[in-house]
Each structure stands twice: as C-alpha cells, then as structure tokens.
Amino acid sequence: MRKNHQWNETQFLTPNHLYQQIGLLFYERNKDVRPHAHYKVPRTVDVTMEVLFCVSGRILYTFYDAENNWNEITSCELTEGDLLCLFGAGHGGKALEQTRLIEVKQGPFLEMKDKYYYPDSE
C-alpha cells in the first residue's frame, strides 16, 4: 500500500481466512472506539506472514516462488510511508539507499526452523 493511499471507511485488505489481518481504520472526529479485548482462540499457523513499513529510504523487494526452483515472480520498490504485506512468497531485497523498515510478524521466531535461503545467495 502506497503512502498516498486514501480511504474514507474502515476496510480490511485481507480475507478473514488469512493468518495476518490488515485493516484500514477510519474514524470521524470525536468517534469513540468501543473498549474491547480479544478472546484467546487456539489457532494453527504454519506459514510466516510479514508486514514491512518503510520508515525512510528506498528498497527494491523481489518475490520468488520458493517451492518451484525460486523462479522470480515480480518486484516492487518501497519508499518512505509504504506498507508491504508478505503472504508466504520467497522474498529478498536490495537497499537502493539507506533504509529503515519496521517488520511485524507472528512469533515465536524459531531461528533454525523459521526460514531457509535461496541456495546461491549469501
């Protein structure tokens, strides 16, 4: 989602069945957000979904079919204020200038079991 994306109503970008939900919330001035909490609900999650927010800089992300010979699927450049939601594709990036990102993903992070790399990358 580009930083200049505008919305005038609350909407979710993701369908309910995905493991990570991304919503765009919209409230008119003085609108109260009803206090709430969420139930503890057992969930089975077998993929790692990531959300990247570009705080500053520029980075080119390339996406790969990690299950089929790492074929390149597409790429996109993130700049300040852009948000990227990763839903399971292999990915890698090249910083085009000094870049700061915020990454959000579900945990726990299991270092030796959580990720694998393209065979020819370092």
PDB file of N, CA and C in Angstrom:
ATOM      1  N   MET A   1       0.847  -1.162   0.000  1.00  0.00           N
ATOM      2  CA  MET A   1       0.000   0.000   0.000  1.00  0.00           C
ATOM      3  C   MET A   1       0.898   1.233   0.000  1.00  0.00           C
ATOM      4  N   ARG A   2       0.661   2.105  -0.917  1.00  0.00           N
ATOM      5  CA  ARG A   2       1.468   3.315  -1.028  1.00  0.00           C
ATOM      6  C   ARG A   2       1.030   4.339   0.012  1.00  0.00           C
ATOM      7  N   LYS A   3       1.971   5.196   0.405  1.00  0.00           N
ATOM      8  CA  LYS A   3       1.693   6.143   1.482  1.00  0.00           C
ATOM      9  C   LYS A   3       0.572   7.120   1.136  1.00  0.00           C
ATOM     10  N   ASN A   4       0.310   7.355  -0.125  1.00  0.00           N
ATOM     11  CA  ASN A   4      -0.737   8.302  -0.507  1.00  0.00           C
ATOM     12  C   ASN A   4      -2.106   7.637  -0.679  1.00  0.00           C
ATOM     13  N   HIS A   5      -2.207   6.346  -0.340  1.00  0.00           N
ATOM     14  CA  HIS A   5      -3.494   5.644  -0.423  1.00  0.00           C
ATOM     15  C   HIS A   5      -4.478   6.290   0.554  1.00  0.00           C
ATOM     16  N   GLN A   6      -5.663   6.608   0.093  1.00  0.00           N
ATOM     17  CA  GLN A   6      -6.681   7.264   0.921  1.00  0.00           C
ATOM     18  C   GLN A   6      -7.888   6.353   1.089  1.00  0.00           C
ATOM     19  N   TRP A   7      -8.557   6.439   2.238  1.00  0.00           N
ATOM     20  CA  TRP A   7      -9.793   5.696   2.462  1.00  0.00           C
ATOM     21  C   TRP A   7     -10.687   6.499   3.386  1.00  0.00           C
ATOM     22  N   ASN A   8     -11.999   6.336   3.222  1.00  0.00           N
ATOM     23  CA  ASN A   8     -12.988   7.088   3.988  1.00  0.00           C
ATOM     24  C   ASN A   8     -13.936   6.188   4.755  1.00  0.00           C
ATOM     25  N   GLU A   9     -13.567   4.932   4.883  1.00  0.00           N
ATOM     26  CA  GLU A   9     -14.334   3.985   5.679  1.00  0.00           C
ATOM     27  C   GLU A   9     -13.396   2.869   6.110  1.00  0.00           C
ATOM     28  N   THR A  10     -13.752   2.212   7.204  1.00  0.00           N
ATOM     29  CA  THR A  10     -12.943   1.096   7.669  1.00  0.00           C
ATOM     30  C   THR A  10     -13.095  -0.061   6.697  1.00  0.00           C
ATOM     31  N   GLN A  11     -11.972  -0.649   6.323  1.00  0.00           N
ATOM     32  CA  GLN A  11     -11.991  -1.780   5.392  1.00  0.00           C
ATOM     33  C   GLN A  11     -10.795  -2.673   5.671  1.00  0.00           C
ATOM     34  N   PHE A  12     -10.960  -3.952   5.407  1.00  0.00           N
ATOM     35  CA  PHE A  12      -9.857  -4.892   5.563  1.00  0.00           C
ATOM     36  C   PHE A  12      -9.353  -5.299   4.190  1.00  0.00           C
ATOM     37  N   LEU A  13      -8.038  -5.302   4.040  1.00  0.00           N
ATOM     38  CA  LEU A  13      -7.413  -5.647   2.768  1.00  0.00           C
ATOM     39  C   LEU A  13      -7.279  -7.151   2.592  1.00  0.00           C
ATOM     40  N   THR A  14      -7.429  -7.884   3.679  1.00  0.00           N
ATOM     41  CA  THR A  14      -7.217  -9.328   3.658  1.00  0.00           C
ATOM     42  C   THR A  14      -8.521 -10.065   3.924  1.00  0.00           C
ATOM     43  N   PRO A  15      -8.704 -11.230   3.309  1.00  0.00           N
ATOM     44  CA  PRO A  15      -9.872 -12.050   3.633  1.00  0.00           C
ATOM     45  C   PRO A  15      -9.728 -12.648   5.035  1.00  0.00           C
ATOM     46  N   ASN A  16     -10.849 -12.996   5.637  1.00  0.00           N
ATOM     47  CA  ASN A  16     -10.863 -13.480   7.020  1.00  0.00           C
ATOM     48  C   ASN A  16     -10.019 -14.725   7.251  1.00  0.00           C
ATOM     49  N   HIS A  17      -9.801 -15.560   6.231  1.00  0.00           N
ATOM     50  CA  HIS A  17      -9.095 -16.823   6.445  1.00  0.00           C
ATOM     51  C   HIS A  17      -7.575 -16.678   6.523  1.00  0.00           C
ATOM     52  N   LEU A  18      -7.020 -15.537   6.133  1.00  0.00           N
ATOM     53  CA  LEU A  18      -5.564 -15.388   6.184  1.00  0.00           C
ATOM     54  C   LEU A  18      -5.078 -15.262   7.618  1.00  0.00           C
ATOM     55  N   TYR A  19      -3.816 -15.663   7.836  1.00  0.00           N
ATOM     56  CA  TYR A  19      -3.239 -15.695   9.179  1.00  0.00           C
ATOM     57  C   TYR A  19      -2.911 -14.313   9.719  1.00  0.00           C
ATOM     58  N   GLN A  20      -2.768 -13.348   8.856  1.00  0.00           N
ATOM     59  CA  GLN A  20      -2.486 -11.973   9.267  1.00  0.00           C
ATOM     60  C   GLN A  20      -3.590 -11.114   8.686  1.00  0.00           C
ATOM     61  N   GLN A  21      -4.171 -10.266   9.484  1.00  0.00           N
ATOM     62  CA  GLN A  21      -5.242  -9.397   9.026  1.00  0.00           C
ATOM     63  C   GLN A  21      -4.720  -7.970   8.927  1.00  0.00           C
ATOM     64  N   ILE A  22      -4.962  -7.337   7.795  1.00  0.00           N
ATOM     65  CA  ILE A  22      -4.541  -5.958   7.579  1.00  0.00           C
ATOM     66  C   ILE A  22      -5.793  -5.124   7.357  1.00  0.00           C
ATOM     67  N   GLY A  23      -6.023  -4.182   8.238  1.00  0.00           N
ATOM     68  CA  GLY A  23      -7.204  -3.336   8.136  1.00  0.00           C
ATOM     69  C   GLY A  23      -6.829  -1.870   8.041  1.00  0.00           C
ATOM     70  N   LEU A  24      -7.631  -1.135   7.311  1.00  0.00           N
ATOM     71  CA  LEU A  24      -7.507   0.315   7.225  1.00  0.00           C
ATOM     72  C   LEU A  24      -8.663   0.884   8.032  1.00  0.00           C
ATOM     73  N   LEU A  25      -8.353   1.526   9.137  1.00  0.00           N
ATOM     74  CA  LEU A  25      -9.392   2.030  10.026  1.00  0.00           C
ATOM     75  C   LEU A  25      -9.631   3.502   9.754  1.00  0.00           C
ATOM     76  N   PHE A  26     -10.889   3.897   9.812  1.00  0.00           N
ATOM     77  CA  PHE A  26     -11.268   5.287   9.577  1.00  0.00           C
ATOM     78  C   PHE A  26     -12.271   5.694  10.641  1.00  0.00           C
ATOM     79  N   TYR A  27     -12.018   6.807  11.305  1.00  0.00           N
ATOM     80  CA  TYR A  27     -12.930   7.322  12.320  1.00  0.00           C
ATOM     81  C   TYR A  27     -13.129   8.810  12.093  1.00  0.00           C
ATOM     82  N   GLU A  28     -14.368   9.241  12.142  1.00  0.00           N
ATOM     83  CA  GLU A  28     -14.669  10.669  12.111  1.00  0.00           C
ATOM     84  C   GLU A  28     -14.215  11.285  13.430  1.00  0.00           C
ATOM     85  N   ARG A  29     -13.999  12.582  13.428  1.00  0.00           N
ATOM     86  CA  ARG A  29     -13.592  13.286  14.641  1.00  0.00           C
ATOM     87  C   ARG A  29     -14.592  13.026  15.771  1.00  0.00           C
ATOM     88  N   ASN A  30     -14.070  12.808  16.957  1.00  0.00           N
ATOM     89  CA  ASN A  30     -14.841  12.551  18.185  1.00  0.00           C
ATOM     90  C   ASN A  30     -15.518  11.191  18.213  1.00  0.00           C
ATOM     91  N   LYS A  31     -15.257  10.343  17.250  1.00  0.00           N
ATOM     92  CA  LYS A  31     -15.811   8.987  17.260  1.00  0.00           C
ATOM     93  C   LYS A  31     -15.121   8.189  18.354  1.00  0.00           C
ATOM     94  N   ASP A  32     -15.891   7.538  19.195  1.00  0.00           N
ATOM     95  CA  ASP A  32     -15.333   6.670  20.227  1.00  0.00           C
ATOM     96  C   ASP A  32     -15.061   5.290  19.649  1.00  0.00           C
ATOM     97  N   VAL A  33     -13.951   4.718  20.043  1.00  0.00           N
ATOM     98  CA  VAL A  33     -13.654   3.329  19.722  1.00  0.00           C
ATOM     99  C   VAL A  33     -14.038   2.540  20.964  1.00  0.00           C
ATOM    100  N   ARG A  34     -15.031   1.704  20.807  1.00  0.00           N
ATOM    101  CA  ARG A  34     -15.560   0.963  21.951  1.00  0.00           C
ATOM    102  C   ARG A  34     -14.463   0.097  22.584  1.00  0.00           C
ATOM    103  N   PRO A  35     -14.218   0.254  23.893  1.00  0.00           N
ATOM    104  CA  PRO A  35     -13.197  -0.571  24.551  1.00  0.00           C
ATOM    105  C   PRO A  35     -13.502  -2.056  24.367  1.00  0.00           C
ATOM    106  N   HIS A  36     -12.466  -2.823  24.072  1.00  0.00           N
ATOM    107  CA  HIS A  36     -12.669  -4.247  23.837  1.00  0.00           C
ATOM    108  C   HIS A  36     -11.369  -5.014  24.074  1.00  0.00           C
ATOM    109  N   ALA A  37     -11.490  -6.315  24.139  1.00  0.00           N
ATOM    110  CA  ALA A  37     -10.353  -7.234  24.219  1.00  0.00           C
ATOM    111  C   ALA A  37     -10.683  -8.404  23.309  1.00  0.00           C
ATOM    112  N   HIS A  38      -9.714  -9.267  23.086  1.00  0.00           N
ATOM    113  CA  HIS A  38      -9.930 -10.407  22.201  1.00  0.00           C
ATOM    114  C   HIS A  38      -9.825 -11.700  22.988  1.00  0.00           C
ATOM    115  N   TYR A  39     -10.711 -12.637  22.667  1.00  0.00           N
ATOM    116  CA  TYR A  39     -10.679 -13.951  23.302  1.00  0.00           C
ATOM    117  C   TYR A  39      -9.395 -14.677  22.931  1.00  0.00           C
ATOM    118  N   LYS A  40      -8.964 -15.546  23.812  1.00  0.00           N
ATOM    119  CA  LYS A  40      -7.883 -16.469  23.466  1.00  0.00           C
ATOM    120  C   LYS A  40      -8.505 -17.585  22.645  1.00  0.00           C
ATOM    121  N   VAL A  41      -8.102 -17.673  21.393  1.00  0.00           N
ATOM    122  CA  VAL A  41      -8.652 -18.658  20.471  1.00  0.00           C
ATOM    123  C   VAL A  41      -7.493 -19.480  19.923  1.00  0.00           C
ATOM    124  N   PRO A  42      -7.522 -20.801  20.098  1.00  0.00           N
ATOM    125  CA  PRO A  42      -6.442 -21.617  19.526  1.00  0.00           C
ATOM    126  C   PRO A  42      -6.429 -21.486  18.002  1.00  0.00           C
ATOM    127  N   ARG A  43      -5.243 -21.267  17.455  1.00  0.00           N
ATOM    128  CA  ARG A  43      -5.083 -21.153  16.008  1.00  0.00           C
ATOM    129  C   ARG A  43      -3.869 -21.972  15.599  1.00  0.00           C
ATOM    130  N   THR A  44      -3.954 -22.571  14.442  1.00  0.00           N
ATOM    131  CA  THR A  44      -2.809 -23.283  13.891  1.00  0.00           C
ATOM    132  C   THR A  44      -2.246 -22.441  12.759  1.00  0.00           C
ATOM    133  N   VAL A  45      -0.992 -22.066  12.873  1.00  0.00           N
ATOM    134  CA  VAL A  45      -0.344 -21.231  11.864  1.00  0.00           C
ATOM    135  C   VAL A  45       0.902 -21.961  11.385  1.00  0.00           C
ATOM    136  N   ASP A  46       0.967 -22.236  10.076  1.00  0.00           N
ATOM    137  CA  ASP A  46       2.124 -22.960   9.554  1.00  0.00           C
ATOM    138  C   ASP A  46       2.925 -22.150   8.532  1.00  0.00           C
ATOM    139  N   VAL A  47       2.579 -20.900   8.370  1.00  0.00           N
ATOM    140  CA  VAL A  47       3.348 -20.010   7.499  1.00  0.00           C
ATOM    141  C   VAL A  47       3.682 -18.746   8.288  1.00  0.00           C
ATOM    142  N   THR A  48       4.742 -18.077   7.872  1.00  0.00           N
ATOM    143  CA  THR A  48       5.101 -16.807   8.499  1.00  0.00           C
ATOM    144  C   THR A  48       4.704 -15.686   7.559  1.00  0.00           C
ATOM    145  N   MET A  49       3.834 -14.824   8.031  1.00  0.00           N
ATOM    146  CA  MET A  49       3.421 -13.669   7.256  1.00  0.00           C
ATOM    147  C   MET A  49       4.098 -12.452   7.854  1.00  0.00           C
ATOM    148  N   GLU A  50       4.528 -11.554   6.994  1.00  0.00           N
ATOM    149  CA  GLU A  50       5.265 -10.381   7.449  1.00  0.00           C
ATOM    150  C   GLU A  50       4.612  -9.114   6.913  1.00  0.00           C
ATOM    151  N   VAL A  51       4.706  -8.064   7.692  1.00  0.00           N
ATOM    152  CA  VAL A  51       4.295  -6.736   7.271  1.00  0.00           C
ATOM    153  C   VAL A  51       5.515  -5.840   7.412  1.00  0.00           C
ATOM    154  N   LEU A  52       5.871  -5.150   6.344  1.00  0.00           N
ATOM    155  CA  LEU A  52       7.013  -4.238   6.352  1.00  0.00           C
ATOM    156  C   LEU A  52       6.519  -2.817   6.136  1.00  0.00           C
ATOM    157  N   PHE A  53       6.956  -1.914   6.990  1.00  0.00           N
ATOM    158  CA  PHE A  53       6.633  -0.496   6.851  1.00  0.00           C
ATOM    159  C   PHE A  53       7.933   0.251   6.612  1.00  0.00           C
ATOM    160  N   CYS A  54       7.998   0.988   5.522  1.00  0.00           N
ATOM    161  CA  CYS A  54       9.204   1.738   5.180  1.00  0.00           C
ATOM    162  C   CYS A  54       9.162   3.093   5.891  1.00  0.00           C
ATOM    163  N   VAL A  55      10.019   3.243   6.895  1.00  0.00           N
ATOM    164  CA  VAL A  55      10.098   4.487   7.656  1.00  0.00           C
ATOM    165  C   VAL A  55      10.842   5.546   6.850  1.00  0.00           C
ATOM    166  N   SER A  56      11.932   5.128   6.212  1.00  0.00           N
ATOM    167  CA  SER A  56      12.704   6.057   5.386  1.00  0.00           C
ATOM    168  C   SER A  56      13.530   5.264   4.380  1.00  0.00           C
ATOM    169  N   GLY A  57      13.916   5.935   3.307  1.00  0.00           N
ATOM    170  CA  GLY A  57      14.775   5.313   2.310  1.00  0.00           C
ATOM    171  C   GLY A  57      14.015   4.676   1.161  1.00  0.00           C
ATOM    172  N   ARG A  58      14.735   3.812   0.438  1.00  0.00           N
ATOM    173  CA  ARG A  58      14.182   3.092  -0.716  1.00  0.00           C
ATOM    174  C   ARG A  58      14.781   1.703  -0.732  1.00  0.00           C
ATOM    175  N   ILE A  59      13.945   0.717  -1.004  1.00  0.00           N
ATOM    176  CA  ILE A  59      14.414  -0.662  -1.100  1.00  0.00           C
ATOM    177  C   ILE A  59      13.616  -1.372  -2.185  1.00  0.00           C
ATOM    178  N   LEU A  60      14.298  -2.180  -2.966  1.00  0.00           N
ATOM    179  CA  LEU A  60      13.648  -2.964  -4.014  1.00  0.00           C
ATOM    180  C   LEU A  60      13.476  -4.382  -3.492  1.00  0.00           C
ATOM    181  N   TYR A  61      12.240  -4.829  -3.398  1.00  0.00           N
ATOM    182  CA  TYR A  61      11.951  -6.200  -2.969  1.00  0.00           C
ATOM    183  C   TYR A  61      11.594  -7.040  -4.185  1.00  0.00           C
ATOM    184  N   THR A  62      12.167  -8.230  -4.258  1.00  0.00           N
ATOM    185  CA  THR A  62      11.865  -9.184  -5.316  1.00  0.00           C
ATOM    186  C   THR A  62      11.218 -10.399  -4.677  1.00  0.00           C
ATOM    187  N   PHE A  63      10.212 -10.951  -5.359  1.00  0.00           N
ATOM    188  CA  PHE A  63       9.443 -12.074  -4.826  1.00  0.00           C
ATOM    189  C   PHE A  63       9.676 -13.307  -5.685  1.00  0.00           C
ATOM    190  N   TYR A  64       9.770 -14.459  -5.010  1.00  0.00           N
ATOM    191  CA  TYR A  64      10.128 -15.709  -5.668  1.00  0.00           C
ATOM    192  C   TYR A  64       9.144 -16.813  -5.309  1.00  0.00           C
ATOM    193  N   ASP A  65       9.003 -17.752  -6.220  1.00  0.00           N
ATOM    194  CA  ASP A  65       8.263 -18.980  -5.944  1.00  0.00           C
ATOM    195  C   ASP A  65       9.247 -19.940  -5.285  1.00  0.00           C
ATOM    196  N   ALA A  66       9.300 -19.917  -3.967  1.00  0.00           N
ATOM    197  CA  ALA A  66      10.301 -20.690  -3.223  1.00  0.00           C
ATOM    198  C   ALA A  66      10.072 -22.191  -3.322  1.00  0.00           C
ATOM    199  N   GLU A  67       8.906 -22.599  -3.768  1.00  0.00           N
ATOM    200  CA  GLU A  67       8.607 -24.029  -3.884  1.00  0.00           C
ATOM    201  C   GLU A  67       8.817 -24.552  -5.300  1.00  0.00           C
ATOM    202  N   ASN A  68       9.216 -23.684  -6.234  1.00  0.00           N
ATOM    203  CA  ASN A  68       9.370 -24.091  -7.627  1.00  0.00           C
ATOM    204  C   ASN A  68      10.633 -23.468  -8.221  1.00  0.00           C
ATOM    205  N   ASN A  69      11.798 -23.960  -7.796  1.00  0.00           N
ATOM    206  CA  ASN A  69      13.089 -23.527  -8.343  1.00  0.00           C
ATOM    207  C   ASN A  69      13.377 -22.039  -8.168  1.00  0.00           C
ATOM    208  N   TRP A  70      12.752 -21.404  -7.215  1.00  0.00           N
ATOM    209  CA  TRP A  70      13.000 -19.998  -6.914  1.00  0.00           C
ATOM    210  C   TRP A  70      12.816 -19.099  -8.137  1.00  0.00           C
ATOM    211  N   ASN A  71      11.797 -19.377  -8.939  1.00  0.00           N
ATOM    212  CA  ASN A  71      11.507 -18.523 -10.086  1.00  0.00           C
ATOM    213  C   ASN A  71      11.045 -17.158  -9.600  1.00  0.00           C
ATOM    214  N   GLU A  72      11.565 -16.107 -10.240  1.00  0.00           N
ATOM    215  CA  GLU A  72      11.171 -14.753  -9.873  1.00  0.00           C
ATOM    216  C   GLU A  72       9.730 -14.511 -10.297  1.00  0.00           C
ATOM    217  N   ILE A  73       8.936 -13.953  -9.383  1.00  0.00           N
ATOM    218  CA  ILE A  73       7.527 -13.680  -9.664  1.00  0.00           C
ATOM    219  C   ILE A  73       7.348 -12.222 -10.079  1.00  0.00           C
ATOM    220  N   THR A  74       7.794 -11.302  -9.238  1.00  0.00           N
ATOM    221  CA  THR A  74       7.649  -9.872  -9.501  1.00  0.00           C
ATOM    222  C   THR A  74       8.545  -9.117  -8.533  1.00  0.00           C
ATOM    223  N   SER A  75       8.545  -7.806  -8.639  1.00  0.00           N
ATOM    224  CA  SER A  75       9.301  -6.986  -7.695  1.00  0.00           C
ATOM    225  C   SER A  75       8.570  -5.663  -7.502  1.00  0.00           C
ATOM    226  N   CYS A  76       8.913  -4.974  -6.418  1.00  0.00           N
ATOM    227  CA  CYS A  76       8.348  -3.648  -6.181  1.00  0.00           C
ATOM    228  C   CYS A  76       9.316  -2.841  -5.328  1.00  0.00           C
ATOM    229  N   GLU A  77       9.279  -1.546  -5.520  1.00  0.00           N
ATOM    230  CA  GLU A  77      10.125  -0.644  -4.749  1.00  0.00           C
ATOM    231  C   GLU A  77       9.301  -0.023  -3.636  1.00  0.00           C
ATOM    232  N   LEU A  78       9.844  -0.061  -2.430  1.00  0.00           N
ATOM    233  CA  LEU A  78       9.213   0.601  -1.290  1.00  0.00           C
ATOM    234  C   LEU A  78       9.933   1.912  -1.029  1.00  0.00           C
ATOM    235  N   THR A  79       9.155   2.943  -0.739  1.00  0.00           N
ATOM    236  CA  THR A  79       9.720   4.225  -0.342  1.00  0.00           C
ATOM    237  C   THR A  79       9.039   4.660   0.949  1.00  0.00           C
ATOM    238  N   GLU A  80       9.504   5.748   1.507  1.00  0.00           N
ATOM    239  CA  GLU A  80       9.005   6.228   2.795  1.00  0.00           C
ATOM    240  C   GLU A  80       7.480   6.244   2.860  1.00  0.00           C
ATOM    241  N   GLY A  81       6.939   5.586   3.883  1.00  0.00           N
ATOM    242  CA  GLY A  81       5.499   5.563   4.105  1.00  0.00           C
ATOM    243  C   GLY A  81       4.777   4.396   3.471  1.00  0.00           C
ATOM    244  N   ASP A  82       5.459   3.592   2.656  1.00  0.00           N
ATOM    245  CA  ASP A  82       4.820   2.441   2.015  1.00  0.00           C
ATOM    246  C   ASP A  82       4.722   1.268   2.986  1.00  0.00           C
ATOM    247  N   LEU A  83       3.697   0.450   2.779  1.00  0.00           N
ATOM    248  CA  LEU A  83       3.445  -0.735   3.594  1.00  0.00           C
ATOM    249  C   LEU A  83       3.385  -1.937   2.668  1.00  0.00           C
ATOM    250  N   LEU A  84       4.084  -3.007   3.035  1.00  0.00           N
ATOM    251  CA  LEU A  84       4.117  -4.223   2.230  1.00  0.00           C
ATOM    252  C   LEU A  84       3.686  -5.392   3.092  1.00  0.00           C
ATOM    253  N   CYS A  85       2.736  -6.179   2.601  1.00  0.00           N
ATOM    254  CA  CYS A  85       2.262  -7.377   3.299  1.00  0.00           C
ATOM    255  C   CYS A  85       2.761  -8.590   2.532  1.00  0.00           C
ATOM    256  N   LEU A  86       3.512  -9.451   3.209  1.00  0.00           N
ATOM    257  CA  LEU A  86       4.077 -10.646   2.586  1.00  0.00           C
ATOM    258  C   LEU A  86       3.289 -11.858   3.044  1.00  0.00           C
ATOM    259  N   PHE A  87       2.728 -12.588   2.112  1.00  0.00           N
ATOM    260  CA  PHE A  87       1.863 -13.718   2.429  1.00  0.00           C
ATOM    261  C   PHE A  87       2.445 -15.034   1.933  1.00  0.00           C
ATOM    262  N   GLY A  88       3.705 -15.297   2.252  1.00  0.00           N
ATOM    263  CA  GLY A  88       4.250 -16.619   2.003  1.00  0.00           C
ATOM    264  C   GLY A  88       5.228 -16.768   0.861  1.00  0.00           C
ATOM    265  N   ALA A  89       5.338 -15.821  -0.036  1.00  0.00           N
ATOM    266  CA  ALA A  89       6.283 -15.959  -1.147  1.00  0.00           C
ATOM    267  C   ALA A  89       7.706 -15.782  -0.640  1.00  0.00           C
ATOM    268  N   GLY A  90       8.667 -16.413  -1.319  1.00  0.00           N
ATOM    269  CA  GLY A  90      10.062 -16.123  -1.038  1.00  0.00           C
ATOM    270  C   GLY A  90      10.331 -14.673  -1.409  1.00  0.00           C
ATOM    271  N   HIS A  91      11.239 -14.047  -0.719  1.00  0.00           N
ATOM    272  CA  HIS A  91      11.494 -12.637  -0.994  1.00  0.00           C
ATOM    273  C   HIS A  91      12.909 -12.264  -0.588  1.00  0.00           C
ATOM    274  N   GLY A  92      13.413 -11.234  -1.223  1.00  0.00           N
ATOM    275  CA  GLY A  92      14.713 -10.662  -0.904  1.00  0.00           C
ATOM    276  C   GLY A  92      14.701  -9.209  -1.316  1.00  0.00           C
ATOM    277  N   GLY A  93      15.614  -8.439  -0.763  1.00  0.00           N
ATOM    278  CA  GLY A  93      15.607  -7.017  -1.065  1.00  0.00           C
ATOM    279  C   GLY A  93      16.992  -6.468  -1.305  1.00  0.00           C
ATOM    280  N   LYS A  94      17.025  -5.320  -1.964  1.00  0.00           N
ATOM    281  CA  LYS A  94      18.267  -4.581  -2.160  1.00  0.00           C
ATOM    282  C   LYS A  94      17.983  -3.132  -1.804  1.00  0.00           C
ATOM    283  N   ALA A  95      18.683  -2.643  -0.769  1.00  0.00           N
ATOM    284  CA  ALA A  95      18.514  -1.250  -0.360  1.00  0.00           C
ATOM    285  C   ALA A  95      19.106  -0.342  -1.433  1.00  0.00           C
ATOM    286  N   LEU A  96      18.289   0.542  -1.981  1.00  0.00           N
ATOM    287  CA  LEU A  96      18.735   1.468  -3.022  1.00  0.00           C
ATOM    288  C   LEU A  96      19.359   2.719  -2.413  1.00  0.00           C
ATOM    289  N   GLU A  97      19.087   2.928  -1.136  1.00  0.00           N
ATOM    290  CA  GLU A  97      19.725   3.964  -0.330  1.00  0.00           C
ATOM    291  C   GLU A  97      19.557   3.532   1.125  1.00  0.00           C
ATOM    292  N   GLN A  98      20.147   4.277   2.042  1.00  0.00           N
ATOM    293  CA  GLN A  98      19.988   3.912   3.450  1.00  0.00           C
ATOM    294  C   GLN A  98      18.499   3.821   3.760  1.00  0.00           C
ATOM    295  N   THR A  99      18.087   2.699   4.330  1.00  0.00           N
ATOM    296  CA  THR A  99      16.661   2.412   4.501  1.00  0.00           C
ATOM    297  C   THR A  99      16.382   1.918   5.911  1.00  0.00           C
ATOM    298  N   ARG A 100      15.269   2.384   6.469  1.00  0.00           N
ATOM    299  CA  ARG A 100      14.789   1.900   7.765  1.00  0.00           C
ATOM    300  C   ARG A 100      13.402   1.304   7.561  1.00  0.00           C
ATOM    301  N   LEU A 101      13.251   0.043   7.979  1.00  0.00           N
ATOM    302  CA  LEU A 101      11.973  -0.661   7.879  1.00  0.00           C
ATOM    303  C   LEU A 101      11.527  -1.095   9.267  1.00  0.00           C
ATOM    304  N   ILE A 102      10.243  -1.171   9.467  1.00  0.00           N
ATOM    305  CA  ILE A 102       9.665  -1.839  10.630  1.00  0.00           C
ATOM    306  C   ILE A 102       9.050  -3.125  10.112  1.00  0.00           C
ATOM    307  N   GLU A 103       9.418  -4.253  10.728  1.00  0.00           N
ATOM    308  CA  GLU A 103       8.886  -5.558  10.332  1.00  0.00           C
ATOM    309  C   GLU A 103       8.011  -6.096  11.459  1.00  0.00           C
ATOM    310  N   VAL A 104       6.820  -6.545  11.095  1.00  0.00           N
ATOM    311  CA  VAL A 104       5.902  -7.162  12.052  1.00  0.00           C
ATOM    312  C   VAL A 104       5.558  -8.542  11.523  1.00  0.00           C
ATOM    313  N   LYS A 105       5.715  -9.558  12.373  1.00  0.00           N
ATOM    314  CA  LYS A 105       5.333 -10.920  12.004  1.00  0.00           C
ATOM    315  C   LYS A 105       4.939 -11.654  13.273  1.00  0.00           C
ATOM    316  N   GLN A 106       4.203 -12.755  13.096  1.00  0.00           N
ATOM    317  CA  GLN A 106       3.818 -13.506  14.280  1.00  0.00           C
ATOM    318  C   GLN A 106       5.005 -14.292  14.802  1.00  0.00           C
ATOM    319  N   GLY A 107       5.022 -14.527  16.081  1.00  0.00           N
ATOM    320  CA  GLY A 107       6.083 -15.298  16.715  1.00  0.00           C
ATOM    321  C   GLY A 107       5.504 -16.586  17.258  1.00  0.00           C
ATOM    322  N   PRO A 108       6.311 -17.343  17.932  1.00  0.00           N
ATOM    323  CA  PRO A 108       7.708 -17.050  18.230  1.00  0.00           C
ATOM    324  C   PRO A 108       8.596 -17.306  17.015  1.00  0.00           C
ATOM    325  N   PHE A 109       9.755 -16.661  16.997  1.00  0.00           N
ATOM    326  CA  PHE A 109      10.724 -16.866  15.926  1.00  0.00           C
ATOM    327  C   PHE A 109      11.607 -18.042  16.301  1.00  0.00           C
ATOM    328  N   LEU A 110      11.615 -19.060  15.474  1.00  0.00           N
ATOM    329  CA  LEU A 110      12.411 -20.268  15.704  1.00  0.00           C
ATOM    330  C   LEU A 110      13.555 -20.264  14.702  1.00  0.00           C
ATOM    331  N   GLU A 111      14.666 -19.679  15.078  1.00  0.00           N
ATOM    332  CA  GLU A 111      15.742 -19.350  14.140  1.00  0.00           C
ATOM    333  C   GLU A 111      16.139 -20.484  13.210  1.00  0.00           C
ATOM    334  N   MET A 112      16.327 -21.671  13.723  1.00  0.00           N
ATOM    335  CA  MET A 112      16.793 -22.776  12.880  1.00  0.00           C
ATOM    336  C   MET A 112      15.661 -23.432  12.083  1.00  0.00           C
ATOM    337  N   LYS A 113      14.415 -23.135  12.412  1.00  0.00           N
ATOM    338  CA  LYS A 113      13.283 -23.765  11.734  1.00  0.00           C
ATOM    339  C   LYS A 113      12.431 -22.773  10.954  1.00  0.00           C
ATOM    340  N   ASP A 114      12.703 -21.492  11.104  1.00  0.00           N
ATOM    341  CA  ASP A 114      11.780 -20.479  10.613  1.00  0.00           C
ATOM    342  C   ASP A 114      12.015 -20.052   9.169  1.00  0.00           C
ATOM    343  N   LYS A 115      13.247 -20.092   8.700  1.00  0.00           N
ATOM    344  CA  LYS A 115      13.495 -19.618   7.330  1.00  0.00           C
ATOM    345  C   LYS A 115      14.578 -20.449   6.665  1.00  0.00           C
ATOM    346  N   TYR A 116      14.529 -20.449   5.347  1.00  0.00           N
ATOM    347  CA  TYR A 116      15.573 -21.077   4.547  1.00  0.00           C
ATOM    348  C   TYR A 116      15.904 -20.127   3.412  1.00  0.00           C
ATOM    349  N   TYR A 117      17.073 -20.321   2.828  1.00  0.00           N
ATOM    350  CA  TYR A 117      17.589 -19.358   1.866  1.00  0.00           C
ATOM    351  C   TYR A 117      17.712 -19.965   0.481  1.00  0.00           C
ATOM    352  N   TYR A 118      17.626 -19.075  -0.498  1.00  0.00           N
ATOM    353  CA  TYR A 118      17.906 -19.459  -1.876  1.00  0.00           C
ATOM    354  C   TYR A 118      19.318 -20.034  -1.912  1.00  0.00           C
ATOM    355  N   PRO A 119      19.505 -21.185  -2.548  1.00  0.00           N
ATOM    356  CA  PRO A 119      20.805 -21.873  -2.480  1.00  0.00           C
ATOM    357  C   PRO A 119      22.010 -21.042  -2.905  1.00  0.00           C
ATOM    358  N   ASP A 120      21.861 -20.137  -3.867  1.00  0.00           N
ATOM    359  CA  ASP A 120      23.019 -19.390  -4.369  1.00  0.00           C
ATOM    360  C   ASP A 120      23.205 -18.032  -3.700  1.00  0.00           C
ATOM    361  N   SER A 121      22.428 -17.720  -2.676  1.00  0.00           N
ATOM    362  CA  SER A 121      22.541 -16.407  -2.038  1.00  0.00           C
ATOM    363  C   SER A 121      23.446 -16.488  -0.815  1.00  0.00           C
ATOM    364  N   GLU A 122      23.989 -15.348  -0.435  1.00  0.00           N
ATOM    365  CA  GLU A 122      24.826 -15.284   0.770  1.00  0.00           C
ATOM    366  C   GLU A 122      24.268 -14.265   1.714  1.00  0.00           C
TER     367      GLU A 122
END
